[in-house]
Amino acid sequence: MQTPVKGHIARRATEITPFLAMELMERAKTLELEGREIIYLCLGEPDFPTPEPIVKAAQKAMLAGETRYTHSLGRIELREAIAEHYQKRYKVTVDPEQVIVSSGTSPLMMLLFAALCNPDDEVILTDPGYACYPNFIRFVGAKPRFFTNPAGAGVSATARRRAPVDQRQNQSPADQLAGKPGRVNPLASRTCNTCRTADPAGLG
């Protein structure tokens, strides 16, 4: 029997594992305040300041009073610019209505899992992979399943491992939104293709 948590915190919240990268960063900040020289290798962010044009644009926007709520998907001008970037850079046509702007990837991935996953659905992830995603998946009641990749094999090596995968493990988020049958939501089409040819022994 689990010990009750003071303040009545939901069980699913207590089952979330720590995000070790942040714990390392917080420890490093403490050491830095104590006078230690720290080189940060724990977070995926640049080691240089925000470029001056971005800082000036932010200052200009705030001074102009652009500090109010925007469209729930983000400013249409920004979404149109993102869609244009994808057309120029990747030759992919994206409607601005398909673009969502947020403060980072993690909040959107949390919303994605919440929108696509039902209790006990399974989501296929690569291992190693981003440490937050399994927590997001468990938080919405779904189950992460992992494809392990041997050290030094490279990201694409898993796709060359030939073996069938259960039919319920071959659905992408796009298929889910289109109403096609299936229960598992691989994170991307490349992962989905990997799943169809992967070694069942590698699926944890």
Protein backbone atom coordinates (compact mmCIF):
# COMPACT_ATOMS: atom_id res chain seq x y z
CA MET A 1 0.00 0.00 0.00
CA GLN A 2 1.38 3.38 -1.03
CA THR A 3 2.06 6.00 1.63
CA PRO A 4 -0.36 8.93 1.20
CA VAL A 5 1.32 12.05 -0.13
CA LYS A 6 0.79 15.22 1.85
CA GLY A 7 -1.46 17.64 0.01
CA HIS A 8 -3.12 14.90 -2.06
CA ILE A 9 -0.97 14.73 -5.18
CA ALA A 10 -2.27 12.46 -7.94
CA ARG A 11 -0.55 9.07 -8.11
CA ARG A 12 0.43 9.61 -11.73
CA ALA A 13 2.35 12.73 -10.67
CA THR A 14 4.29 10.82 -8.01
CA GLU A 15 5.26 8.17 -10.56
CA ILE A 16 7.09 10.62 -12.83
CA THR A 17 10.82 9.92 -12.86
CA PRO A 18 13.27 12.83 -12.42
CA PHE A 19 14.57 14.65 -15.48
CA LEU A 20 18.24 14.19 -14.65
CA ALA A 21 19.49 16.81 -17.10
CA MET A 22 17.71 19.53 -15.12
CA GLU A 23 18.95 18.13 -11.82
CA LEU A 24 22.51 18.27 -13.15
CA MET A 25 21.97 21.83 -14.36
CA GLU A 26 20.54 22.92 -11.01
CA ARG A 27 23.48 21.35 -9.18
CA ALA A 28 25.87 23.09 -11.58
CA LYS A 29 24.17 26.44 -10.91
CA THR A 30 24.70 25.91 -7.18
CA LEU A 31 28.39 25.15 -7.72
CA GLU A 32 28.69 28.19 -9.98
CA LEU A 33 27.29 30.43 -7.23
CA GLU A 34 29.98 29.00 -4.96
CA GLY A 35 32.64 30.26 -7.35
CA ARG A 36 33.29 27.10 -9.36
CA GLU A 37 33.90 27.43 -13.10
CA ILE A 38 31.29 25.32 -14.90
CA ILE A 39 31.08 24.11 -18.51
CA TYR A 40 27.46 23.13 -19.20
CA LEU A 41 27.05 19.98 -21.29
CA CYS A 42 23.78 18.80 -19.75
CA LEU A 43 21.17 20.79 -21.69
CA GLY A 44 20.46 21.23 -25.37
CA GLU A 45 20.93 24.98 -25.61
CA PRO A 46 23.54 27.25 -27.24
CA ASP A 47 26.61 28.32 -25.29
CA PHE A 48 26.36 31.88 -26.68
CA PRO A 49 23.97 34.76 -25.87
CA THR A 50 20.73 35.34 -27.74
CA PRO A 51 21.66 37.10 -31.03
CA GLU A 52 21.31 40.89 -30.85
CA PRO A 53 18.66 41.19 -33.63
CA ILE A 54 16.38 38.84 -31.68
CA VAL A 55 16.87 40.79 -28.46
CA LYS A 56 16.14 44.09 -30.24
CA ALA A 57 13.05 42.66 -31.93
CA ALA A 58 11.74 41.46 -28.56
CA GLN A 59 12.42 44.87 -26.98
CA LYS A 60 10.68 46.65 -29.87
CA ALA A 61 7.64 44.39 -29.62
CA MET A 62 7.30 44.91 -25.85
CA LEU A 63 7.70 48.69 -26.15
CA ALA A 64 5.00 48.64 -28.84
CA GLY A 65 2.64 46.95 -26.39
CA GLU A 66 2.65 43.53 -28.05
CA THR A 67 2.31 41.74 -24.72
CA ARG A 68 -1.28 40.53 -24.95
CA TYR A 69 -2.75 37.13 -25.71
CA THR A 70 -2.37 35.98 -29.30
CA HIS A 71 -4.31 33.47 -31.38
CA SER A 72 -4.29 30.10 -29.59
CA LEU A 73 -2.11 28.61 -32.35
CA GLY A 74 0.28 31.58 -32.34
CA ARG A 75 0.43 34.77 -34.37
CA ILE A 76 -0.71 34.20 -37.94
CA GLU A 77 2.24 36.21 -39.31
CA LEU A 78 4.67 33.87 -37.53
CA ARG A 79 2.81 30.73 -38.61
CA GLU A 80 2.80 31.94 -42.21
CA ALA A 81 6.56 32.58 -41.98
CA ILE A 82 7.13 29.07 -40.60
CA ALA A 83 5.05 27.54 -43.40
CA GLU A 84 7.03 29.56 -45.96
CA HIS A 85 10.31 28.35 -44.39
CA TYR A 86 9.24 24.72 -44.76
CA GLN A 87 8.33 25.32 -48.40
CA LYS A 88 11.68 26.97 -49.19
CA ARG A 89 13.91 24.71 -47.09
CA TYR A 90 12.22 21.31 -47.39
CA LYS A 91 9.90 21.74 -50.43
CA VAL A 92 6.97 20.78 -48.19
CA THR A 93 3.63 22.58 -48.40
CA VAL A 94 2.29 23.31 -44.92
CA ASP A 95 -0.90 25.26 -44.26
CA PRO A 96 -0.37 27.88 -41.52
CA GLU A 97 -3.42 26.37 -39.81
CA GLN A 98 -1.31 23.22 -39.31
CA VAL A 99 1.36 25.18 -37.42
CA ILE A 100 1.30 25.61 -33.64
CA VAL A 101 3.71 27.98 -31.92
CA SER A 102 4.74 27.31 -28.33
CA SER A 103 7.54 28.04 -25.87
CA GLY A 104 9.20 24.73 -26.71
CA THR A 105 8.80 21.20 -28.02
CA SER A 106 7.95 19.52 -24.70
CA PRO A 107 4.64 21.34 -24.07
CA LEU A 108 3.47 20.49 -27.58
CA MET A 109 4.52 16.85 -27.28
CA MET A 110 2.57 16.62 -24.03
CA LEU A 111 -0.50 17.98 -25.82
CA LEU A 112 0.10 15.60 -28.74
CA PHE A 113 0.19 12.53 -26.50
CA ALA A 114 -2.89 13.75 -24.62
CA ALA A 115 -4.75 14.23 -27.91
CA LEU A 116 -3.78 10.92 -29.51
CA CYS A 117 -3.37 8.41 -26.70
CA ASN A 118 -6.10 6.48 -24.93
CA PRO A 119 -5.44 4.49 -21.74
CA ASP A 120 -3.21 1.47 -22.43
CA ASP A 121 -2.32 2.62 -25.95
CA GLU A 122 1.33 1.96 -26.77
CA VAL A 123 3.74 4.50 -28.22
CA ILE A 124 6.98 3.35 -29.83
CA LEU A 125 10.14 5.25 -28.90
CA THR A 126 13.80 4.80 -29.72
CA ASP A 127 16.25 4.02 -26.93
CA PRO A 128 18.32 6.08 -26.37
CA GLY A 129 15.86 8.90 -26.76
CA TYR A 130 14.55 12.05 -25.11
CA ALA A 131 14.02 11.27 -21.43
CA CYS A 132 10.81 13.30 -21.01
CA TYR A 133 8.69 11.46 -23.59
CA PRO A 134 8.16 8.24 -21.58
CA ASN A 135 6.92 10.35 -18.65
CA PHE A 136 4.53 12.27 -20.90
CA ILE A 137 3.17 9.01 -22.31
CA ARG A 138 2.67 7.40 -18.90
CA PHE A 139 1.08 10.60 -17.57
CA VAL A 140 -1.78 10.33 -20.08
CA GLY A 141 -2.26 6.63 -19.29
CA ALA A 142 -0.49 5.15 -22.30
CA LYS A 143 2.54 2.85 -22.34
CA PRO A 144 5.93 3.55 -23.91
CA ARG A 145 7.57 0.72 -25.85
CA PHE A 146 11.26 0.99 -26.69
CA PHE A 147 13.40 -0.01 -29.65
CA THR A 148 16.97 -0.32 -28.41
CA ASN A 149 19.83 0.52 -30.73
CA PRO A 150 23.28 -1.00 -30.05
CA ALA A 151 26.00 1.47 -29.11
CA GLY A 152 27.84 2.71 -32.18
CA ALA A 153 25.25 1.36 -34.61
CA GLY A 154 23.96 4.77 -35.64
CA VAL A 155 20.40 6.07 -35.76
CA SER A 156 19.50 4.43 -39.08
CA ALA A 157 20.89 1.00 -38.16
CA THR A 158 17.65 -0.08 -36.47
CA ALA A 159 15.74 0.31 -39.73
CA ARG A 160 17.89 -2.42 -41.29
CA ARG A 161 16.95 -5.03 -38.69
CA ARG A 162 14.46 -7.22 -40.52
CA ALA A 163 11.50 -8.86 -38.75
CA PRO A 164 7.71 -8.44 -38.66
CA VAL A 165 6.00 -6.29 -36.07
CA ASP A 166 2.48 -6.78 -34.75
CA GLN A 167 -0.19 -5.00 -36.82
CA ARG A 168 -1.25 -2.85 -33.88
CA GLN A 169 2.22 -1.29 -33.78
CA ASN A 170 2.23 0.34 -37.19
CA GLN A 171 0.17 3.49 -36.89
CA SER A 172 1.43 7.04 -37.18
CA PRO A 173 -0.17 10.16 -35.65
CA ALA A 174 -1.33 11.15 -39.13
CA ASP A 175 -3.18 7.83 -39.49
CA GLN A 176 -4.75 8.33 -36.08
CA LEU A 177 -6.04 11.76 -37.01
CA ALA A 178 -7.38 10.35 -40.28
CA GLY A 179 -9.45 7.83 -38.33
CA LYS A 180 -7.63 4.72 -39.52
CA PRO A 181 -7.68 1.65 -37.27
CA GLY A 182 -4.85 0.81 -34.92
CA ARG A 183 -3.70 1.42 -31.36
CA VAL A 184 -0.05 2.46 -31.37
CA ASN A 185 1.13 5.94 -32.31
CA PRO A 186 4.80 6.01 -33.41
CA LEU A 187 6.23 9.50 -33.09
CA ALA A 188 7.11 9.92 -36.76
CA SER A 189 6.86 8.15 -40.08
CA ARG A 190 10.55 7.21 -39.95
CA THR A 191 10.04 5.56 -36.57
CA CYS A 192 6.92 3.88 -37.94
CA ASN A 193 8.89 2.42 -40.85
CA THR A 194 11.53 1.24 -38.40
CA CYS A 195 8.88 -0.52 -36.36
CA ARG A 196 7.65 -2.51 -39.33
CA THR A 197 11.10 -4.05 -39.88
CA ALA A 198 12.59 -4.17 -36.41
CA ASP A 199 13.77 -7.11 -34.38
CA PRO A 200 11.01 -8.07 -31.90
CA ALA A 201 13.74 -8.77 -29.34
CA GLY A 202 14.61 -5.10 -29.45
CA LEU A 203 11.10 -4.00 -28.54
CA GLY A 204 10.96 -3.48 -24.80
